[in-house]
Amino acid sequence: MEDLKEIGFYTLSNERIKNTSEFSQMKRCEMIITEYCNFRCPYCRGLKDTIYGNRNIKELSLTEIKERIDLWCVNKPLENIRFSGGEPTLHKDIIEIVKYAKYKGVKRIAISTNGSNKTELYKHLIEAGCNDFSISLDACCAEDGDKMAGNIKDSWYKVIDNIKILSKLTYVTVGIVLTIDNIDKTIDTIRFAHKLGVSDIRIISAAQYNKPIPRLNEIEQEILDTHPILKYRVKHFSEGRNVRGINISDANKCALVLDDSVIAGDFHFPCIIYMREKGEPIGRVSKNMREERVEWFKKHDCFKDDICRKNCLDVCIDYNNKFRKLRS
């Protein structure tokens, strides 16, 4: 089985599998720093109501974010961090947040963004230490792009300009979420994204849709060879495998929770998909998070959990299958 790191999933590797334990370095963590967003994407269902409880402001403060980063960097610096939302670039302290992650020794600092903010802000984020942007690109023309953003007029042009500029400055991937509204233009969107100069292209069917993606055999080999993650996904679809879903032959334990974490509000979750699908958290944010995640790993059967069984992503499944093979 190929090393996922070589495919383009830089946080997932054979080395990580061999060394992960309750005492190993935390490898990757994602933090939802705000629920606010200036887009209204049709497939986004927001966060679970209980995540922010009775807070008047549905986001974490700079102090809270620093405290949570500190909890991930107790013994060794966290290796990879991703800030998400909502739209994380709307957080008034986003530059200070990135600076603090860099100060704590985090090597890879990523931001998931809709790409609509001011270009200068993105450049300042790179100067502060951000070296990875994941930008949503759900259409190849302005009319469809504005519609997929929730009918936000002229939003698509701004996103495209930022993708072009940022792709020349740092690592940029685009995420194409496919629904019944844009599935028929998948190939056109992939070809368009390739011309923008991005490092990689991630295609995924929305949880509400979750059906095979047609015509992927039409993608030019040059495009596939340029974007390893896209090539990985297209290969799966050609083999009749969707992006989401665990089969009975797959591992039923999720080893990713051992050295990976997702925080939203005051809670930590098994993964970002589990949080997005409004699953229950593992527990509250505290110094005991690592121990709680180890216990969850030991007790949880992913195949008996509807969220895991229906929505677990192919890359996570492959990682856990390899963990089972190498560590059993």
Protein backbone atom coordinates (compact mmCIF):
# COMPACT_ATOMS: atom_id res chain seq x y z
CA MET A 1 0.00 0.00 0.00
CA GLU A 2 1.41 3.36 -1.07
CA ASP A 3 2.58 5.91 1.48
CA LEU A 4 -0.16 8.54 1.61
CA LYS A 5 2.43 11.25 2.20
CA GLU A 6 3.87 10.57 -1.25
CA ILE A 7 0.40 10.90 -2.78
CA GLY A 8 0.04 14.41 -1.40
CA PHE A 9 -1.54 13.92 2.02
CA TYR A 10 1.50 15.35 3.76
CA THR A 11 0.28 14.73 7.33
CA LEU A 12 -0.24 10.99 6.76
CA SER A 13 2.73 8.67 6.47
CA ASN A 14 3.99 5.19 7.21
CA GLU A 15 6.36 6.72 9.76
CA ARG A 16 3.43 8.26 11.61
CA ILE A 17 1.66 4.91 11.74
CA LYS A 18 4.70 3.14 13.14
CA ASN A 19 5.33 5.68 15.89
CA THR A 20 1.90 6.90 16.98
CA SER A 21 0.88 6.25 20.57
CA GLU A 22 -0.70 8.07 23.49
CA PHE A 23 2.76 9.52 24.21
CA SER A 24 3.89 10.46 20.70
CA GLN A 25 3.96 13.96 19.28
CA MET A 26 0.59 15.37 18.21
CA LYS A 27 0.77 15.38 14.42
CA ARG A 28 -2.19 17.37 13.17
CA CYS A 29 -5.00 19.39 14.71
CA GLU A 30 -7.84 21.47 13.32
CA MET A 31 -9.54 24.30 15.17
CA ILE A 32 -12.86 25.95 14.35
CA ILE A 33 -12.11 29.51 15.40
CA THR A 34 -15.36 31.15 14.29
CA GLU A 35 -18.84 30.18 13.14
CA TYR A 36 -19.32 33.36 11.13
CA CYS A 37 -19.10 33.29 7.34
CA ASN A 38 -19.85 35.72 4.52
CA PHE A 39 -20.91 32.89 2.16
CA ARG A 40 -24.04 30.75 2.30
CA CYS A 41 -22.90 27.61 0.51
CA PRO A 42 -25.89 25.29 -0.03
CA TYR A 43 -24.14 22.18 1.28
CA CYS A 44 -22.92 23.83 4.52
CA ARG A 45 -25.21 23.16 7.48
CA GLY A 46 -23.30 25.12 10.06
CA LEU A 47 -22.21 23.88 13.47
CA LYS A 48 -24.11 22.02 16.14
CA ASP A 49 -26.11 24.44 18.32
CA THR A 50 -24.51 23.23 21.54
CA ILE A 51 -20.91 23.90 20.44
CA TYR A 52 -20.94 27.51 21.57
CA GLY A 53 -23.67 27.06 24.18
CA ASN A 54 -25.02 30.35 25.47
CA ARG A 55 -22.21 32.52 24.10
CA ASN A 56 -23.33 35.75 22.49
CA ILE A 57 -20.36 35.62 20.12
CA LYS A 58 -20.01 32.34 18.23
CA GLU A 59 -16.23 32.19 18.05
CA LEU A 60 -13.17 31.59 20.20
CA SER A 61 -11.25 34.51 21.63
CA LEU A 62 -7.55 34.98 20.94
CA THR A 63 -6.80 33.93 24.53
CA GLU A 64 -8.85 30.74 24.17
CA ILE A 65 -7.17 29.89 20.88
CA LYS A 66 -3.72 30.34 22.39
CA GLU A 67 -4.69 28.14 25.35
CA ARG A 68 -5.88 25.39 23.00
CA ILE A 69 -2.69 25.56 20.94
CA ASP A 70 -0.71 25.30 24.18
CA LEU A 71 -2.61 22.13 25.10
CA TRP A 72 -1.57 20.57 21.79
CA CYS A 73 2.07 21.55 22.30
CA VAL A 74 2.67 20.31 25.85
CA ASN A 75 5.60 17.94 25.23
CA LYS A 76 6.67 18.75 21.67
CA PRO A 77 5.58 21.35 19.13
CA LEU A 78 2.49 20.36 17.20
CA GLU A 79 3.54 19.50 13.64
CA ASN A 80 0.50 20.59 11.59
CA ILE A 81 -2.39 22.92 12.41
CA ARG A 82 -5.41 24.02 10.41
CA PHE A 83 -7.68 26.94 11.23
CA SER A 84 -11.25 26.60 9.93
CA GLY A 85 -14.71 28.05 10.38
CA GLY A 86 -17.11 29.45 9.31
CA GLU A 87 -14.68 31.67 7.50
CA PRO A 88 -11.52 31.90 9.65
CA THR A 89 -10.17 35.01 7.92
CA LEU A 90 -13.14 36.94 9.37
CA HIS A 91 -11.71 36.47 12.87
CA LYS A 92 -10.30 39.85 13.87
CA ASP A 93 -7.20 38.23 15.39
CA ILE A 94 -6.40 35.83 12.55
CA ILE A 95 -2.92 37.27 11.94
CA GLU A 96 -2.03 37.08 15.64
CA ILE A 97 -3.39 33.52 15.72
CA VAL A 98 -1.07 32.46 12.91
CA LYS A 99 1.87 34.27 14.50
CA TYR A 100 1.29 32.43 17.77
CA ALA A 101 1.17 29.04 16.04
CA LYS A 102 4.49 29.83 14.39
CA TYR A 103 5.92 31.04 17.72
CA LYS A 104 4.97 27.68 19.25
CA GLY A 105 7.00 25.86 16.61
CA VAL A 106 4.22 24.51 14.38
CA LYS A 107 5.75 23.59 11.03
CA ARG A 108 2.70 23.57 8.78
CA ILE A 109 0.09 26.27 9.38
CA ALA A 110 -2.97 25.88 7.16
CA ILE A 111 -6.14 27.92 6.70
CA SER A 112 -9.35 26.66 5.08
CA THR A 113 -10.97 29.66 3.44
CA ASN A 114 -13.56 30.58 0.83
CA GLY A 115 -10.87 32.84 -0.66
CA SER A 116 -13.00 35.98 -0.76
CA ASN A 117 -11.10 38.20 1.66
CA LYS A 118 -8.69 40.97 0.67
CA THR A 119 -5.57 39.80 -1.12
CA GLU A 120 -3.41 41.87 1.22
CA LEU A 121 -4.76 39.98 4.23
CA TYR A 122 -3.76 36.65 2.70
CA LYS A 123 -0.30 38.04 1.97
CA HIS A 124 0.00 39.21 5.59
CA LEU A 125 -1.00 35.72 6.73
CA ILE A 126 1.84 34.24 4.67
CA GLU A 127 4.25 36.73 6.25
CA ALA A 128 2.93 35.71 9.68
CA GLY A 129 3.65 32.03 9.01
CA CYS A 130 0.75 30.50 7.06
CA ASN A 131 2.13 28.15 4.40
CA ASP A 132 -0.98 26.27 3.28
CA PHE A 133 -4.32 27.53 1.96
CA SER A 134 -7.27 25.30 1.11
CA ILE A 135 -9.68 27.38 -0.95
CA SER A 136 -13.21 26.43 -2.00
CA LEU A 137 -13.81 26.40 -5.75
CA ASP A 138 -17.16 24.84 -6.61
CA ALA A 139 -17.65 26.23 -10.12
CA CYS A 140 -15.78 27.22 -13.28
CA CYS A 141 -17.82 30.32 -14.18
CA ALA A 142 -19.03 33.40 -12.32
CA GLU A 143 -22.74 32.66 -12.57
CA ASP A 144 -22.43 29.20 -11.04
CA GLY A 145 -19.72 30.31 -8.60
CA ASP A 146 -21.85 33.10 -7.15
CA LYS A 147 -24.76 30.66 -6.88
CA MET A 148 -22.68 28.06 -5.03
CA ALA A 149 -21.54 30.81 -2.62
CA GLY A 150 -25.17 31.47 -1.77
CA ASN A 151 -25.94 33.98 -4.52
CA ILE A 152 -23.18 36.37 -3.43
CA LYS A 153 -22.77 38.64 -6.46
CA ASP A 154 -19.25 38.95 -7.93
CA SER A 155 -17.74 36.72 -5.23
CA TRP A 156 -16.35 34.25 -7.75
CA TYR A 157 -14.07 36.77 -9.48
CA LYS A 158 -12.44 37.75 -6.17
CA VAL A 159 -11.85 34.12 -5.25
CA ILE A 160 -10.26 33.37 -8.63
CA ASP A 161 -7.94 36.39 -8.40
CA ASN A 162 -6.78 35.28 -4.95
CA ILE A 163 -6.19 31.69 -6.04
CA LYS A 164 -4.01 32.87 -8.92
CA ILE A 165 -1.95 35.17 -6.71
CA LEU A 166 -1.56 32.87 -3.70
CA SER A 167 -0.67 29.85 -5.86
CA LYS A 168 2.50 31.72 -6.87
CA LEU A 169 3.41 32.42 -3.24
CA THR A 170 2.72 29.22 -1.28
CA TYR A 171 1.03 25.81 -1.25
CA VAL A 172 -2.60 26.13 -2.38
CA THR A 173 -5.17 23.42 -2.92
CA VAL A 174 -8.73 23.92 -4.09
CA GLY A 175 -11.62 21.91 -2.74
CA ILE A 176 -14.46 21.15 -5.15
CA VAL A 177 -17.57 20.04 -3.26
CA LEU A 178 -19.99 18.36 -5.64
CA THR A 179 -23.76 18.46 -5.37
CA ILE A 180 -26.68 17.99 -7.72
CA ASP A 181 -26.24 21.68 -8.66
CA ASN A 182 -22.69 21.44 -10.03
CA ILE A 183 -21.97 17.76 -10.65
CA ASP A 184 -22.52 18.09 -14.41
CA LYS A 185 -19.62 20.58 -14.70
CA THR A 186 -17.08 18.62 -12.63
CA ILE A 187 -14.63 18.12 -15.49
CA ASP A 188 -14.81 21.77 -16.54
CA THR A 189 -14.14 22.92 -12.97
CA ILE A 190 -11.15 20.57 -12.62
CA ARG A 191 -9.66 21.81 -15.89
CA PHE A 192 -10.22 25.40 -14.86
CA ALA A 193 -8.62 24.86 -11.43
CA HIS A 194 -5.58 23.30 -13.10
CA LYS A 195 -5.05 26.42 -15.21
CA LEU A 196 -5.01 28.58 -12.07
CA GLY A 197 -1.69 27.01 -11.04
CA VAL A 198 -2.83 25.32 -7.81
CA SER A 199 -0.72 22.65 -6.12
CA ASP A 200 -3.54 20.13 -5.93
CA ILE A 201 -7.27 19.61 -6.46
CA ARG A 202 -9.54 17.83 -3.98
CA ILE A 203 -12.89 16.58 -5.25
CA ILE A 204 -15.51 15.36 -2.81
CA SER A 205 -19.21 14.68 -3.03
CA ALA A 206 -21.25 16.55 -0.43
CA ALA A 207 -22.59 14.44 2.43
CA GLN A 208 -26.15 15.17 1.28
CA TYR A 209 -25.31 13.99 -2.25
CA ASN A 210 -22.57 11.34 -1.85
CA LYS A 211 -22.90 9.74 -5.26
CA PRO A 212 -20.37 8.66 -7.89
CA ILE A 213 -18.87 11.45 -9.97
CA PRO A 214 -19.34 10.88 -13.72
CA ARG A 215 -16.94 11.39 -16.66
CA LEU A 216 -13.74 11.43 -14.61
CA ASN A 217 -12.16 9.19 -17.25
CA GLU A 218 -12.14 12.25 -19.51
CA ILE A 219 -9.56 14.14 -17.41
CA GLU A 220 -6.29 14.58 -19.26
CA GLN A 221 -3.33 12.57 -17.96
CA GLU A 222 -1.24 15.74 -17.70
CA ILE A 223 -3.72 17.15 -15.17
CA LEU A 224 -3.75 13.92 -13.16
CA ASP A 225 0.04 13.72 -13.09
CA THR A 226 0.28 17.33 -11.88
CA HIS A 227 -2.13 16.85 -8.97
CA PRO A 228 -1.48 13.65 -6.95
CA ILE A 229 -4.52 13.96 -4.65
CA LEU A 230 -6.82 14.40 -7.64
CA LYS A 231 -5.20 11.37 -9.29
CA TYR A 232 -5.73 9.34 -6.10
CA ARG A 233 -9.44 10.21 -6.01
CA VAL A 234 -10.01 9.65 -9.73
CA LYS A 235 -8.40 6.21 -9.46
CA HIS A 236 -10.84 5.31 -6.68
CA PHE A 237 -13.85 6.41 -8.69
CA SER A 238 -12.64 4.42 -11.69
CA GLU A 239 -12.56 1.39 -9.39
CA GLY A 240 -16.15 2.03 -8.24
CA ARG A 241 -15.15 3.51 -4.89
CA ASN A 242 -16.69 6.74 -3.62
CA VAL A 243 -14.90 9.33 -1.47
CA ARG A 244 -17.08 8.54 1.53
CA GLY A 245 -17.98 5.31 3.27
CA ILE A 246 -16.45 2.33 5.13
CA ASN A 247 -16.82 -1.19 3.75
CA ILE A 248 -17.15 -4.27 5.94
CA SER A 249 -13.60 -5.31 5.00
CA ASP A 250 -12.12 -2.00 6.22
CA ALA A 251 -10.67 -1.35 9.67
CA ASN A 252 -13.30 -0.53 12.27
CA LYS A 253 -10.90 1.43 14.51
CA CYS A 254 -9.80 5.01 13.88
CA ALA A 255 -6.13 5.39 14.74
CA LEU A 256 -6.14 9.03 13.67
CA VAL A 257 -7.68 10.10 16.97
CA LEU A 258 -4.50 9.04 18.77
CA ASP A 259 -2.41 11.95 17.50
CA ASP A 260 -4.94 14.12 15.67
CA SER A 261 -7.68 16.35 17.06
CA VAL A 262 -10.49 18.72 16.16
CA ILE A 263 -11.65 21.48 18.47
CA ALA A 264 -14.85 23.48 18.10
CA GLY A 265 -15.96 25.73 20.92
CA ASP A 266 -15.27 24.02 24.23
CA PHE A 267 -15.26 20.48 22.82
CA HIS A 268 -12.94 18.10 20.99
CA PHE A 269 -14.23 15.72 18.33
CA PRO A 270 -12.92 12.55 16.63
CA CYS A 271 -12.45 14.33 13.28
CA ILE A 272 -13.68 17.26 11.21
CA ILE A 273 -16.23 15.11 9.35
CA TYR A 274 -17.68 13.82 12.62
CA MET A 275 -18.01 17.39 13.89
CA ARG A 276 -19.55 18.65 10.62
CA GLU A 277 -22.10 15.83 10.68
CA LYS A 278 -23.10 16.97 14.18
CA GLY A 279 -21.78 13.93 16.01
CA GLU A 280 -21.23 13.98 19.77
CA PRO A 281 -17.85 15.25 20.99
CA ILE A 282 -15.37 12.98 22.72
CA GLY A 283 -15.20 15.43 25.61
CA ARG A 284 -14.50 18.98 26.72
CA VAL A 285 -11.28 20.83 26.01
CA SER A 286 -8.85 20.13 28.86
CA LYS A 287 -5.42 18.76 29.65
CA ASN A 288 -7.03 15.29 29.64
CA MET A 289 -7.96 15.37 25.94
CA ARG A 290 -5.22 12.96 24.86
CA GLU A 291 -6.25 10.33 27.39
CA GLU A 292 -9.91 10.70 26.40
CA ARG A 293 -9.03 10.21 22.75
CA VAL A 294 -7.08 7.04 23.51
CA GLU A 295 -10.08 5.62 25.37
CA TRP A 296 -12.37 6.55 22.47
CA PHE A 297 -10.04 4.70 20.10
CA LYS A 298 -10.12 1.59 22.25
CA LYS A 299 -13.89 1.48 22.69
CA HIS A 300 -15.32 2.91 19.49
CA ASP A 301 -16.43 0.67 16.61
CA CYS A 302 -16.54 2.88 13.52
CA PHE A 303 -18.60 0.39 11.56
CA LYS A 304 -21.37 0.54 14.15
CA ASP A 305 -21.41 4.36 14.03
CA ASP A 306 -23.61 5.74 11.23
CA ILE A 307 -21.53 8.89 10.83
CA CYS A 308 -18.25 6.98 10.49
CA ARG A 309 -19.66 4.20 8.32
CA LYS A 310 -21.35 6.54 5.82
CA ASN A 311 -19.01 9.53 5.80
CA CYS A 312 -15.43 8.48 6.60
CA LEU A 313 -13.16 9.68 3.80
CA ASP A 314 -11.13 7.37 1.58
CA VAL A 315 -7.79 8.75 2.78
CA CYS A 316 -8.71 8.15 6.43
CA ILE A 317 -9.91 4.65 5.62
CA ASP A 318 -6.67 3.85 3.81
CA TYR A 319 -4.64 5.20 6.73
CA ASN A 320 -6.58 3.10 9.25
CA ASN A 321 -6.35 0.01 7.08
CA LYS A 322 -2.61 0.44 6.91
CA PHE A 323 -2.46 0.98 10.69
CA ARG A 324 -4.30 -2.32 11.16
CA LYS A 325 -1.87 -4.08 8.83
CA LEU A 326 1.34 -2.66 10.31
CA ARG A 327 0.36 -2.58 13.98
CA SER A 328 -1.80 -5.65 14.50
